[in-house]
Each structure stands twice: as structure tokens, then as C-alpha cells.
Protein backbone atom coordinates (compact mmCIF):
# COMPACT_ATOMS: atom_id res chain seq x y z
CA MET A 1 -13.41 -19.30 -2.72
CA THR A 2 -16.63 -19.21 -4.74
CA ASP A 3 -16.89 -20.04 -8.43
CA SER A 4 -17.85 -16.44 -9.18
CA SER A 5 -14.66 -15.18 -7.49
CA LEU A 6 -12.51 -17.60 -9.48
CA GLN A 7 -14.20 -16.52 -12.70
CA ARG A 8 -13.69 -12.86 -11.78
CA ASN A 9 -9.98 -13.36 -11.12
CA ARG A 10 -9.47 -15.36 -14.30
CA GLY A 11 -11.18 -12.58 -16.23
CA LEU A 12 -8.84 -10.01 -14.70
CA ARG A 13 -5.77 -12.10 -15.51
CA ASP A 14 -6.96 -12.54 -19.09
CA TRP A 15 -7.50 -8.78 -19.37
CA LEU A 16 -3.90 -8.16 -18.28
CA GLY A 17 -2.66 -10.31 -21.14
CA GLN A 18 -4.26 -8.24 -23.90
CA LEU A 19 -4.82 -4.59 -24.78
CA PRO A 20 -5.22 -2.26 -23.00
CA GLY A 21 -4.37 -4.29 -19.86
CA ALA A 22 -0.94 -5.30 -21.14
CA CYS A 23 0.01 -1.64 -21.64
CA VAL A 24 -1.13 -0.78 -18.13
CA ARG A 25 0.95 -3.62 -16.71
CA GLU A 26 4.05 -2.39 -18.55
CA GLU A 27 3.73 1.13 -17.14
CA GLU A 28 3.09 -0.18 -13.63
CA ASN A 29 6.05 -2.55 -13.77
CA ARG A 30 8.32 0.27 -14.88
CA CYS A 31 7.26 2.42 -11.93
CA LEU A 32 7.46 -0.43 -9.42
CA GLU A 33 10.94 -1.42 -10.57
CA GLU A 34 12.17 2.11 -9.82
CA LEU A 35 10.56 2.09 -6.37
CA LEU A 36 11.76 -1.40 -5.42
CA GLU A 37 15.35 -0.65 -6.38
CA GLU A 38 15.49 1.85 -3.50
CA LEU A 39 13.99 -0.43 -0.83
CA PHE A 40 15.99 -2.75 1.39
CA GLY A 41 15.20 -5.46 3.92
CA TYR A 42 14.89 -9.19 4.42
CA TYR A 43 11.28 -10.02 3.42
CA LEU A 44 8.93 -8.76 0.71
CA VAL A 45 5.31 -9.89 0.41
CA ARG A 46 3.01 -9.23 -2.53
CA VAL A 47 -0.70 -9.63 -1.81
CA ASP A 48 -2.89 -9.86 -4.91
CA VAL A 49 -6.03 -11.45 -6.27
CA CYS A 50 -5.15 -12.55 -9.79
CA GLY A 51 -1.51 -13.69 -9.88
CA TRP A 52 0.40 -10.77 -11.38
CA ASP A 53 3.66 -11.81 -13.03
CA GLY A 54 6.76 -11.71 -10.86
CA VAL A 55 9.03 -10.01 -13.40
CA VAL A 56 8.71 -6.68 -11.63
CA LEU A 57 10.26 -8.11 -8.46
CA GLU A 58 13.40 -9.48 -10.11
CA GLY A 59 15.23 -6.17 -9.71
CA SER A 60 14.42 -5.87 -6.01
CA ARG A 61 17.32 -5.99 -3.54
CA ILE A 62 15.09 -8.02 -1.23
CA ARG A 63 15.65 -11.68 -2.09
CA MET A 64 13.19 -13.34 0.30
CA GLN A 65 9.91 -12.82 -1.57
CA LEU A 66 6.50 -14.38 -1.05
CA GLY A 67 3.19 -14.15 -2.86
CA ILE A 68 -0.16 -14.25 -1.03
CA THR A 69 -3.00 -14.96 -3.43
CA CYS A 70 -6.42 -16.54 -3.60
CA PRO A 71 -6.83 -20.33 -3.89
CA GLY A 72 -6.63 -21.41 -7.49
CA GLN A 73 -4.27 -18.59 -8.50
CA SER A 74 -0.55 -18.74 -9.26
CA GLY A 75 2.07 -16.63 -7.55
CA GLY A 76 3.41 -15.17 -10.77
CA GLY A 77 6.75 -16.94 -10.35
CA LEU A 78 6.94 -16.39 -6.59
CA PRO A 79 6.66 -18.95 -3.80
CA VAL A 80 2.97 -18.66 -2.99
CA VAL A 81 0.67 -19.10 -0.01
CA HIS A 82 -3.05 -19.34 -0.69
CA ALA A 83 -4.99 -17.22 1.78
CA ARG A 84 -7.52 -14.42 1.98
CA SER A 85 -6.00 -10.97 1.71
CA GLU A 86 -8.08 -9.91 4.73
CA GLN A 87 -6.45 -12.60 6.93
CA LEU A 88 -2.74 -12.91 6.19
CA PRO A 89 -1.02 -15.95 7.74
CA ILE A 90 2.07 -13.93 8.67
CA ALA A 91 3.44 -12.91 12.07
CA SER A 92 3.08 -9.30 13.17
CA ASP A 93 6.02 -6.89 12.73
CA SER A 94 7.96 -9.29 10.48
CA ILE A 95 7.88 -7.96 6.87
CA ASP A 96 9.97 -5.14 5.38
CA VAL A 97 7.94 -4.39 2.23
CA VAL A 98 4.32 -5.16 1.31
CA LEU A 99 3.04 -4.68 -2.26
CA LEU A 100 -0.69 -4.36 -2.92
CA GLN A 101 -1.04 -4.27 -6.71
CA HIS A 102 -4.74 -3.63 -7.38
CA THR A 103 -5.57 -5.75 -4.34
CA LEU A 104 -7.77 -3.05 -2.85
CA ASP A 105 -9.67 -2.67 -6.13
CA PHE A 106 -10.93 -6.26 -6.09
CA CYS A 107 -10.91 -7.48 -2.48
CA ALA A 108 -14.01 -7.77 -0.30
CA ASP A 109 -12.80 -5.45 2.49
CA PRO A 110 -10.02 -3.02 1.43
CA HIS A 111 -9.76 -1.36 4.84
CA GLN A 112 -9.17 -4.73 6.51
CA VAL A 113 -6.47 -5.53 3.96
CA LEU A 114 -4.70 -2.29 4.87
CA ARG A 115 -4.97 -3.15 8.57
CA GLU A 116 -3.39 -6.53 7.89
CA ALA A 117 -0.59 -4.89 5.90
CA GLU A 118 0.09 -2.51 8.79
CA ARG A 119 0.11 -5.41 11.24
CA ILE A 120 2.71 -7.51 9.45
CA LEU A 121 5.04 -4.60 8.57
CA ILE A 122 7.97 -3.80 10.83
CA PRO A 123 8.33 -0.22 12.14
CA GLU A 124 9.61 1.90 9.23
CA GLY A 125 8.40 -0.86 6.88
CA LYS A 126 7.29 0.19 3.39
CA LEU A 127 3.86 -0.25 1.81
CA ILE A 128 3.30 0.13 -1.95
CA VAL A 129 -0.30 0.42 -3.15
CA VAL A 130 -1.30 0.39 -6.83
CA GLY A 131 -4.92 1.15 -7.72
CA PHE A 132 -7.19 2.36 -10.48
CA ASN A 133 -8.33 5.99 -10.38
CA PRO A 134 -12.16 6.17 -10.10
CA TRP A 135 -12.27 9.84 -11.13
CA GLY A 136 -10.04 9.73 -14.20
CA GLN A 137 -10.98 8.94 -17.77
CA TRP A 138 -10.95 5.22 -16.94
CA GLY A 139 -13.39 5.84 -14.12
CA LEU A 140 -15.74 7.58 -16.54
CA TRP A 141 -15.32 4.71 -19.00
CA ARG A 142 -16.37 2.38 -16.22
CA LEU A 143 -19.76 4.07 -15.98
CA LEU A 144 -20.69 2.95 -19.46
CA ALA A 145 -23.10 0.02 -19.30
CA ARG A 146 -21.28 -2.06 -21.91
CA TYR A 147 -18.05 -1.98 -19.87
CA GLY A 148 -19.50 -2.22 -16.36
CA ARG A 149 -20.06 -5.98 -16.64
CA HIS A 150 -16.46 -6.84 -17.56
CA GLN A 151 -13.02 -6.69 -15.97
CA PRO A 152 -11.47 -4.56 -14.70
CA TRP A 153 -14.52 -2.31 -14.60
CA ARG A 154 -16.32 -4.54 -12.09
CA GLY A 155 -13.82 -3.57 -9.41
CA ARG A 156 -14.50 -1.00 -6.70
CA PHE A 157 -11.85 1.60 -7.44
CA LEU A 158 -10.49 3.47 -4.42
CA SER A 159 -9.56 7.13 -4.93
CA ARG A 160 -6.07 8.32 -4.04
CA GLY A 161 -7.45 10.85 -1.57
CA ARG A 162 -9.43 8.25 0.37
CA LEU A 163 -6.48 5.86 0.33
CA HIS A 164 -4.19 8.50 1.81
CA ASP A 165 -6.76 9.28 4.52
CA TRP A 166 -6.97 5.60 5.48
CA LEU A 167 -3.20 5.28 5.55
CA ALA A 168 -2.88 8.29 7.83
CA LEU A 169 -5.44 6.82 10.24
CA LEU A 170 -3.49 3.55 10.32
CA GLY A 171 -0.25 5.33 11.22
CA PHE A 172 1.49 5.62 7.84
CA ASP A 173 3.49 8.55 6.52
CA LEU A 174 3.21 9.30 2.81
CA ALA A 175 6.62 9.03 1.13
CA ARG A 176 5.81 9.24 -2.58
CA SER A 177 2.86 9.27 -4.96
CA HIS A 178 2.64 8.84 -8.73
CA TRP A 179 0.01 9.03 -11.46
CA LEU A 180 0.34 6.52 -14.31
CA PHE A 181 -1.15 5.79 -17.71
CA TYR A 182 -2.77 8.69 -19.51
CA ARG A 183 -4.05 6.82 -22.56
CA PRO A 184 -7.71 5.84 -22.89
CA PRO A 185 -8.60 2.11 -22.62
CA LEU A 186 -8.50 1.33 -26.33
CA GLY A 187 -8.11 -2.14 -27.83
CA GLN A 188 -6.40 -1.07 -31.06
CA ARG A 189 -2.64 -1.44 -30.89
CA TRP A 190 -1.89 1.23 -33.48
CA LEU A 191 -3.90 3.79 -31.52
CA MET A 192 -2.20 2.89 -28.24
CA GLU A 193 1.20 3.22 -29.90
CA ARG A 194 0.28 6.61 -31.42
CA LEU A 195 -0.76 7.90 -27.99
CA ALA A 196 2.27 6.53 -26.16
CA PHE A 197 3.85 10.01 -26.12
CA LEU A 198 1.41 10.97 -23.35
CA GLU A 199 3.24 8.67 -20.94
CA HIS A 200 6.46 10.62 -21.49
CA LEU A 201 4.96 14.11 -21.35
CA ARG A 202 2.81 13.55 -18.26
CA PRO A 203 1.53 17.16 -18.10
CA ASN A 204 0.26 18.29 -14.71
CA TRP A 205 -3.15 19.17 -16.06
CA LEU A 206 -3.62 15.55 -17.17
CA SER A 207 -2.80 14.05 -13.74
CA PRO A 208 -6.42 13.82 -12.53
CA LEU A 209 -7.25 11.89 -15.71
CA ALA A 210 -4.58 9.22 -15.18
CA ALA A 211 -5.80 5.63 -14.99
CA VAL A 212 -3.61 4.44 -12.11
CA HIS A 213 -2.21 5.87 -8.89
CA VAL A 214 0.81 4.46 -7.04
CA THR A 215 1.55 5.28 -3.40
CA LEU A 216 4.61 4.53 -1.29
CA ALA A 217 3.95 4.84 2.46
CA VAL A 218 6.07 4.21 5.56
CA LYS A 219 4.79 2.66 8.77
CA ARG A 220 5.23 5.24 11.49
CA VAL A 221 7.24 4.32 14.58
CA SER A 222 5.43 4.83 17.90
CA THR A 223 7.80 6.18 20.51
CA LEU A 224 6.94 6.19 24.19
CA THR A 225 8.53 9.02 26.17
CA PRO A 226 8.63 8.36 29.92
CA ILE A 227 7.04 11.14 31.95
CA ARG A 228 8.97 12.19 35.02
CA PRO A 229 7.07 12.55 38.29
CA ALA A 230 6.00 16.12 39.05
CA TRP A 231 6.96 15.85 42.71
CA LYS A 232 10.44 16.00 44.27
CA ILE A 233 11.70 14.04 47.23
CA ALA A 234 13.10 16.42 49.86
CA SER A 235 16.63 15.83 50.99
CA PRO A 236 16.93 14.61 54.59
CA LEU A 237 19.88 16.97 55.10
CA LEU A 238 19.59 20.76 55.22
CA GLY A 239 23.05 21.91 54.31
CA GLY A 240 24.28 25.39 55.24
CA ARG A 241 21.52 26.12 57.75
CA ARG A 242 21.24 25.64 61.48
CA ILE A 243 18.34 23.59 62.73
CA GLU A 244 15.99 25.73 64.81
CA PRO A 245 13.98 24.26 67.65
CA THR A 246 10.29 24.06 66.97
CA THR A 247 9.33 25.08 70.56
CA ARG A 248 10.98 27.44 72.97
CA ALA A 249 11.51 26.69 76.61
CA GLY A 250 9.21 28.65 78.90
CA ARG A 251 10.59 31.16 81.35
CA GLY A 252 11.14 29.90 84.83
């Protein structure tokens, strides 16, 4: 990993520890806890780039949990393997749940990360993707020059529509989708607390302006149906009929 990548990831982790990043993390953790409570299996893998805290996974019914993160990053309380998110050191068809929490926003090749997630998931395995909304108010904030040089605005946000298209091409069925965090990215705590009511109202007309989208998808099962031959083998016996000679004897 390059020094610039390490600096980028440290900047993102620092942003999560202060406003408005801490508020975003709280809303995401609340949503993920609800989703994870409903999922079962033997193995859960979280693939990230900055070492998100592992508190959100404590309520999961899946006890075998593993973090995949970049070299130099912690696993957020999870047993961790350092590897690139585009090349996961995990056997195919072996994981029940994969969590990508802003991984696609900050990885080098988001489509390859999704392919790797599909590869390691078992049939009917669950994929949870959390990402920033490029078209919401946070996406517009990102266009401002003074913010574009800092985290998390340096990420390449992937829209929910494009994500769903990619998932469909990779053989996933969409199970659930949520919009999260309707407050603007303000650094004043009193303002963030005054606007907290927006998270409870969540009016439909505000959905496109939400900062974060969360998607739960299911790996589709490929079923092979054997095709019967079109021909039939004739029975060697002709029941109920008398065998006729094929030639008739000539008259003497």
C-alpha cells in the first residue's frame, strides 16, 4: 500500500470520529444492526478500507466474523486479514454474509470488489452495501472546491441506481434498500442536534437528498434443468397387431 493510500484511510477514520462523520456512523450502525439481526449463517466477512468499529456486528447471530482491510489498518475489534479488497484470500462459495461499508466509495476498482463478493458468497448468501449518495445534498457539497480535497469528499461515490444495475448483472436479487441521513454535513453539534428530527420523519420527498444508501442483496441460485431428448426409442414389440409380411409370394 502506498503512503498516499495510508494517509487517505487515516483521514477517513479521523473524519468518522468527529462531526458530521460520527453522526453518519451512528445512523448507519442503527440500520445495520436491524439488518444483521435477521441474517443467519456460519461466516460473516466485512471488507473495508479504514477499519470501521466492530460494535455494529455484536448483535449479529453469526459468530464467526472476519475483517478484511488494507495493510496498516485495524479490524475494528474483529480478527483481521490484511489484503486488497479486489483480491480476497477466501475460498469461493464459503461465506454467508459480506458487508461492504463504504468499500466501493474508496476502493480502486468497485466492480472487481463486487465480483469478489459474489465469488466468496454461498448460493442465497447475503450482501450488504453501504455507500454515499453522489446525487444528494452531500454529493452537491462534494462539488465545492474547499471540500473536494478532504475526506470523505475525495471518494468516488457510486449511485444507488448504478449499484443495483451492477448487482443484477452479477446475479443478485435486490431484497431491501434504505436511504439514510438527511442532515447536511455540518460541524456544529447544536445544529446537528436541532436537525435530528429529520432522521425520524424521513419524508419521501427528501429521499433523493439522503447522504447514504444501504442495499441488501441475495446471491441468486443457478439451477440447471436437464433437457429430455426430443426423440423416442420405438418398442421392439408391437402389441395388439399382427405382423404383416413385407412381400407377397408370387402366383405359381
